[in-house]
Amino acid sequence: MKKERVKRGFVVDVHNNNINKAWRRLKKMVQEDGMLQELRDKERYTKPSARRRKARDMARKRWLKKQRELENNF
């Protein structure tokens, strides 16, 4: 029998009434979790061919960026 995982929300403590620091920490936690990106992706249906095309384009973009960085180092 599997244990049920309990999902908890994000918790950020505010020290010395420093809301800005707590807000930045919360935004970082949400971004690392990928929750907002997942919500954006699920707002509307994306065809599988469009998903593959987007993934291929992003891979090409990463590759070109790496090539530029290598070219600049030498």
N, C-alpha and C. Protein backbone atom coordinates (compact mmCIF):
# COMPACT_ATOMS: atom_id res chain seq x y z
N MET A 1 0.84 -1.17 0.00
CA MET A 1 0.00 0.00 0.00
C MET A 1 0.89 1.24 0.00
N LYS A 2 0.63 2.16 -0.94
CA LYS A 2 1.43 3.37 -1.04
C LYS A 2 0.97 4.40 -0.02
N LYS A 3 1.93 5.18 0.42
CA LYS A 3 1.59 6.29 1.29
C LYS A 3 1.04 7.43 0.45
N GLU A 4 0.02 8.06 0.93
CA GLU A 4 -0.52 9.21 0.24
C GLU A 4 0.36 10.41 0.53
N ARG A 5 0.78 11.07 -0.54
CA ARG A 5 1.60 12.27 -0.35
C ARG A 5 0.68 13.44 -0.06
N VAL A 6 1.03 14.17 0.95
CA VAL A 6 0.24 15.33 1.31
C VAL A 6 0.86 16.55 0.66
N LYS A 7 0.08 17.22 -0.18
CA LYS A 7 0.58 18.43 -0.82
C LYS A 7 0.32 19.61 0.11
N ARG A 8 1.34 20.37 0.33
CA ARG A 8 1.22 21.54 1.16
C ARG A 8 1.49 22.77 0.32
N GLY A 9 0.97 23.88 0.76
CA GLY A 9 1.22 25.13 0.07
C GLY A 9 2.61 25.64 0.41
N PHE A 10 2.97 26.72 -0.22
CA PHE A 10 4.26 27.34 0.06
C PHE A 10 4.12 28.20 1.30
N VAL A 11 5.11 28.15 2.17
CA VAL A 11 5.10 28.93 3.39
C VAL A 11 6.37 29.77 3.42
N VAL A 12 6.19 31.07 3.64
CA VAL A 12 7.32 31.99 3.73
C VAL A 12 7.15 32.80 5.00
N ASP A 13 8.17 32.83 5.83
CA ASP A 13 8.13 33.63 7.05
C ASP A 13 8.56 35.05 6.75
N VAL A 14 7.87 36.01 7.37
CA VAL A 14 8.22 37.42 7.21
C VAL A 14 8.94 37.86 8.48
N HIS A 15 10.18 38.32 8.31
CA HIS A 15 10.97 38.78 9.45
C HIS A 15 11.11 40.29 9.39
N ASN A 16 10.96 40.94 10.53
CA ASN A 16 11.13 42.39 10.65
C ASN A 16 10.26 43.17 9.66
N ASN A 17 9.06 42.66 9.40
CA ASN A 17 8.12 43.31 8.47
C ASN A 17 8.72 43.55 7.09
N ASN A 18 9.64 42.70 6.68
CA ASN A 18 10.28 42.83 5.38
C ASN A 18 9.48 42.02 4.36
N ILE A 19 8.41 42.64 3.86
CA ILE A 19 7.52 41.96 2.92
C ILE A 19 8.22 41.71 1.58
N ASN A 20 9.05 42.64 1.15
CA ASN A 20 9.70 42.51 -0.15
C ASN A 20 10.59 41.27 -0.22
N LYS A 21 11.34 41.02 0.83
CA LYS A 21 12.22 39.85 0.86
C LYS A 21 11.40 38.56 0.85
N ALA A 22 10.30 38.56 1.63
CA ALA A 22 9.44 37.38 1.67
C ALA A 22 8.78 37.16 0.31
N TRP A 23 8.36 38.24 -0.35
CA TRP A 23 7.72 38.14 -1.66
C TRP A 23 8.69 37.57 -2.69
N ARG A 24 9.96 38.04 -2.68
CA ARG A 24 10.97 37.51 -3.60
C ARG A 24 11.21 36.03 -3.35
N ARG A 25 11.26 35.65 -2.08
CA ARG A 25 11.48 34.24 -1.75
C ARG A 25 10.31 33.38 -2.23
N LEU A 26 9.08 33.87 -2.05
CA LEU A 26 7.90 33.14 -2.51
C LEU A 26 7.91 33.00 -4.03
N LYS A 27 8.22 34.08 -4.74
CA LYS A 27 8.26 34.02 -6.20
C LYS A 27 9.31 33.02 -6.67
N LYS A 28 10.46 32.98 -5.99
CA LYS A 28 11.52 32.04 -6.36
C LYS A 28 11.05 30.59 -6.13
N MET A 29 10.37 30.36 -5.02
CA MET A 29 9.87 29.01 -4.72
C MET A 29 8.87 28.56 -5.77
N VAL A 30 7.97 29.45 -6.17
CA VAL A 30 6.95 29.11 -7.17
C VAL A 30 7.61 28.86 -8.52
N GLN A 31 8.60 29.68 -8.87
CA GLN A 31 9.27 29.51 -10.15
C GLN A 31 10.05 28.19 -10.19
N GLU A 32 10.75 27.85 -9.11
CA GLU A 32 11.51 26.60 -9.08
C GLU A 32 10.59 25.40 -9.14
N ASP A 33 9.40 25.52 -8.56
CA ASP A 33 8.44 24.43 -8.58
C ASP A 33 7.83 24.25 -9.97
N GLY A 34 7.79 25.34 -10.74
CA GLY A 34 7.24 25.26 -12.09
C GLY A 34 5.73 25.34 -12.12
N MET A 35 5.13 25.78 -11.03
CA MET A 35 3.68 25.79 -10.92
C MET A 35 3.04 26.78 -11.91
N LEU A 36 3.56 27.99 -11.99
CA LEU A 36 2.97 28.98 -12.89
C LEU A 36 3.11 28.58 -14.35
N GLN A 37 4.26 28.03 -14.71
CA GLN A 37 4.45 27.60 -16.09
C GLN A 37 3.48 26.48 -16.44
N GLU A 38 3.26 25.58 -15.50
CA GLU A 38 2.31 24.49 -15.72
C GLU A 38 0.91 25.04 -15.92
N LEU A 39 0.52 26.02 -15.12
CA LEU A 39 -0.80 26.63 -15.27
C LEU A 39 -0.94 27.30 -16.63
N ARG A 40 0.10 28.01 -17.06
CA ARG A 40 0.06 28.66 -18.37
C ARG A 40 -0.07 27.63 -19.48
N ASP A 41 0.65 26.52 -19.34
CA ASP A 41 0.60 25.49 -20.37
C ASP A 41 -0.77 24.83 -20.44
N LYS A 42 -1.46 24.74 -19.31
CA LYS A 42 -2.75 24.06 -19.28
C LYS A 42 -3.94 24.99 -19.51
N GLU A 43 -3.69 26.27 -19.76
CA GLU A 43 -4.79 27.20 -20.02
C GLU A 43 -5.56 26.79 -21.27
N ARG A 44 -4.87 26.29 -22.26
CA ARG A 44 -5.53 25.87 -23.48
C ARG A 44 -4.84 24.62 -24.01
N TYR A 45 -5.54 23.91 -24.85
CA TYR A 45 -5.00 22.67 -25.41
C TYR A 45 -3.92 23.00 -26.44
N THR A 46 -2.84 22.26 -26.38
CA THR A 46 -1.77 22.38 -27.36
C THR A 46 -1.62 21.03 -28.06
N LYS A 47 -1.69 21.08 -29.37
CA LYS A 47 -1.56 19.84 -30.12
C LYS A 47 -0.19 19.22 -29.90
N PRO A 48 -0.11 17.89 -29.93
CA PRO A 48 1.19 17.23 -29.73
C PRO A 48 2.25 17.68 -30.74
N SER A 49 1.85 17.93 -31.98
CA SER A 49 2.83 18.37 -32.97
C SER A 49 3.37 19.76 -32.62
N ALA A 50 2.52 20.62 -32.06
CA ALA A 50 2.96 21.95 -31.65
C ALA A 50 3.90 21.86 -30.45
N ARG A 51 3.62 20.91 -29.53
CA ARG A 51 4.51 20.70 -28.38
C ARG A 51 5.88 20.25 -28.83
N ARG A 52 5.90 19.31 -29.78
CA ARG A 52 7.19 18.82 -30.30
C ARG A 52 7.94 19.93 -31.01
N ARG A 53 7.25 20.73 -31.80
CA ARG A 53 7.88 21.83 -32.51
C ARG A 53 8.46 22.85 -31.53
N LYS A 54 7.71 23.14 -30.46
CA LYS A 54 8.19 24.09 -29.46
C LYS A 54 9.43 23.54 -28.75
N ALA A 55 9.40 22.26 -28.41
CA ALA A 55 10.54 21.63 -27.74
C ALA A 55 11.77 21.64 -28.66
N ARG A 56 11.55 21.36 -29.95
CA ARG A 56 12.66 21.37 -30.91
C ARG A 56 13.24 22.78 -31.06
N ASP A 57 12.37 23.77 -31.13
CA ASP A 57 12.84 25.15 -31.25
C ASP A 57 13.61 25.60 -30.02
N MET A 58 13.14 25.22 -28.84
CA MET A 58 13.85 25.58 -27.61
C MET A 58 15.21 24.88 -27.53
N ALA A 59 15.28 23.63 -27.98
CA ALA A 59 16.56 22.92 -27.99
C ALA A 59 17.54 23.60 -28.94
N ARG A 60 17.04 24.02 -30.09
CA ARG A 60 17.91 24.72 -31.05
C ARG A 60 18.40 26.03 -30.46
N LYS A 61 17.52 26.74 -29.77
CA LYS A 61 17.89 28.01 -29.15
C LYS A 61 18.98 27.80 -28.09
N ARG A 62 18.84 26.74 -27.28
CA ARG A 62 19.86 26.44 -26.27
C ARG A 62 21.19 26.11 -26.93
N TRP A 63 21.13 25.32 -28.01
CA TRP A 63 22.34 24.92 -28.70
C TRP A 63 23.05 26.12 -29.30
N LEU A 64 22.29 27.03 -29.93
CA LEU A 64 22.90 28.22 -30.51
C LEU A 64 23.51 29.11 -29.44
N LYS A 65 22.85 29.22 -28.30
CA LYS A 65 23.39 30.02 -27.21
C LYS A 65 24.71 29.43 -26.73
N LYS A 66 24.76 28.10 -26.60
CA LYS A 66 25.99 27.46 -26.15
C LYS A 66 27.11 27.66 -27.18
N GLN A 67 26.77 27.59 -28.46
CA GLN A 67 27.77 27.82 -29.50
C GLN A 67 28.32 29.24 -29.44
N ARG A 68 27.45 30.23 -29.22
CA ARG A 68 27.90 31.62 -29.09
C ARG A 68 28.83 31.79 -27.91
N GLU A 69 28.48 31.15 -26.77
CA GLU A 69 29.32 31.25 -25.58
C GLU A 69 30.69 30.61 -25.81
N LEU A 70 30.71 29.47 -26.48
CA LEU A 70 31.99 28.82 -26.78
C LEU A 70 32.82 29.67 -27.74
N GLU A 71 32.15 30.28 -28.70
CA GLU A 71 32.85 31.12 -29.67
C GLU A 71 33.46 32.35 -29.00
N ASN A 72 32.74 32.91 -28.04
CA ASN A 72 33.24 34.10 -27.34
C ASN A 72 34.39 33.77 -26.39
N ASN A 73 34.45 32.56 -25.90
CA ASN A 73 35.51 32.18 -24.97
C ASN A 73 36.84 31.98 -25.68
N PHE A 74 36.81 31.69 -26.99
CA PHE A 74 38.06 31.44 -27.70
C PHE A 74 38.44 32.58 -28.56
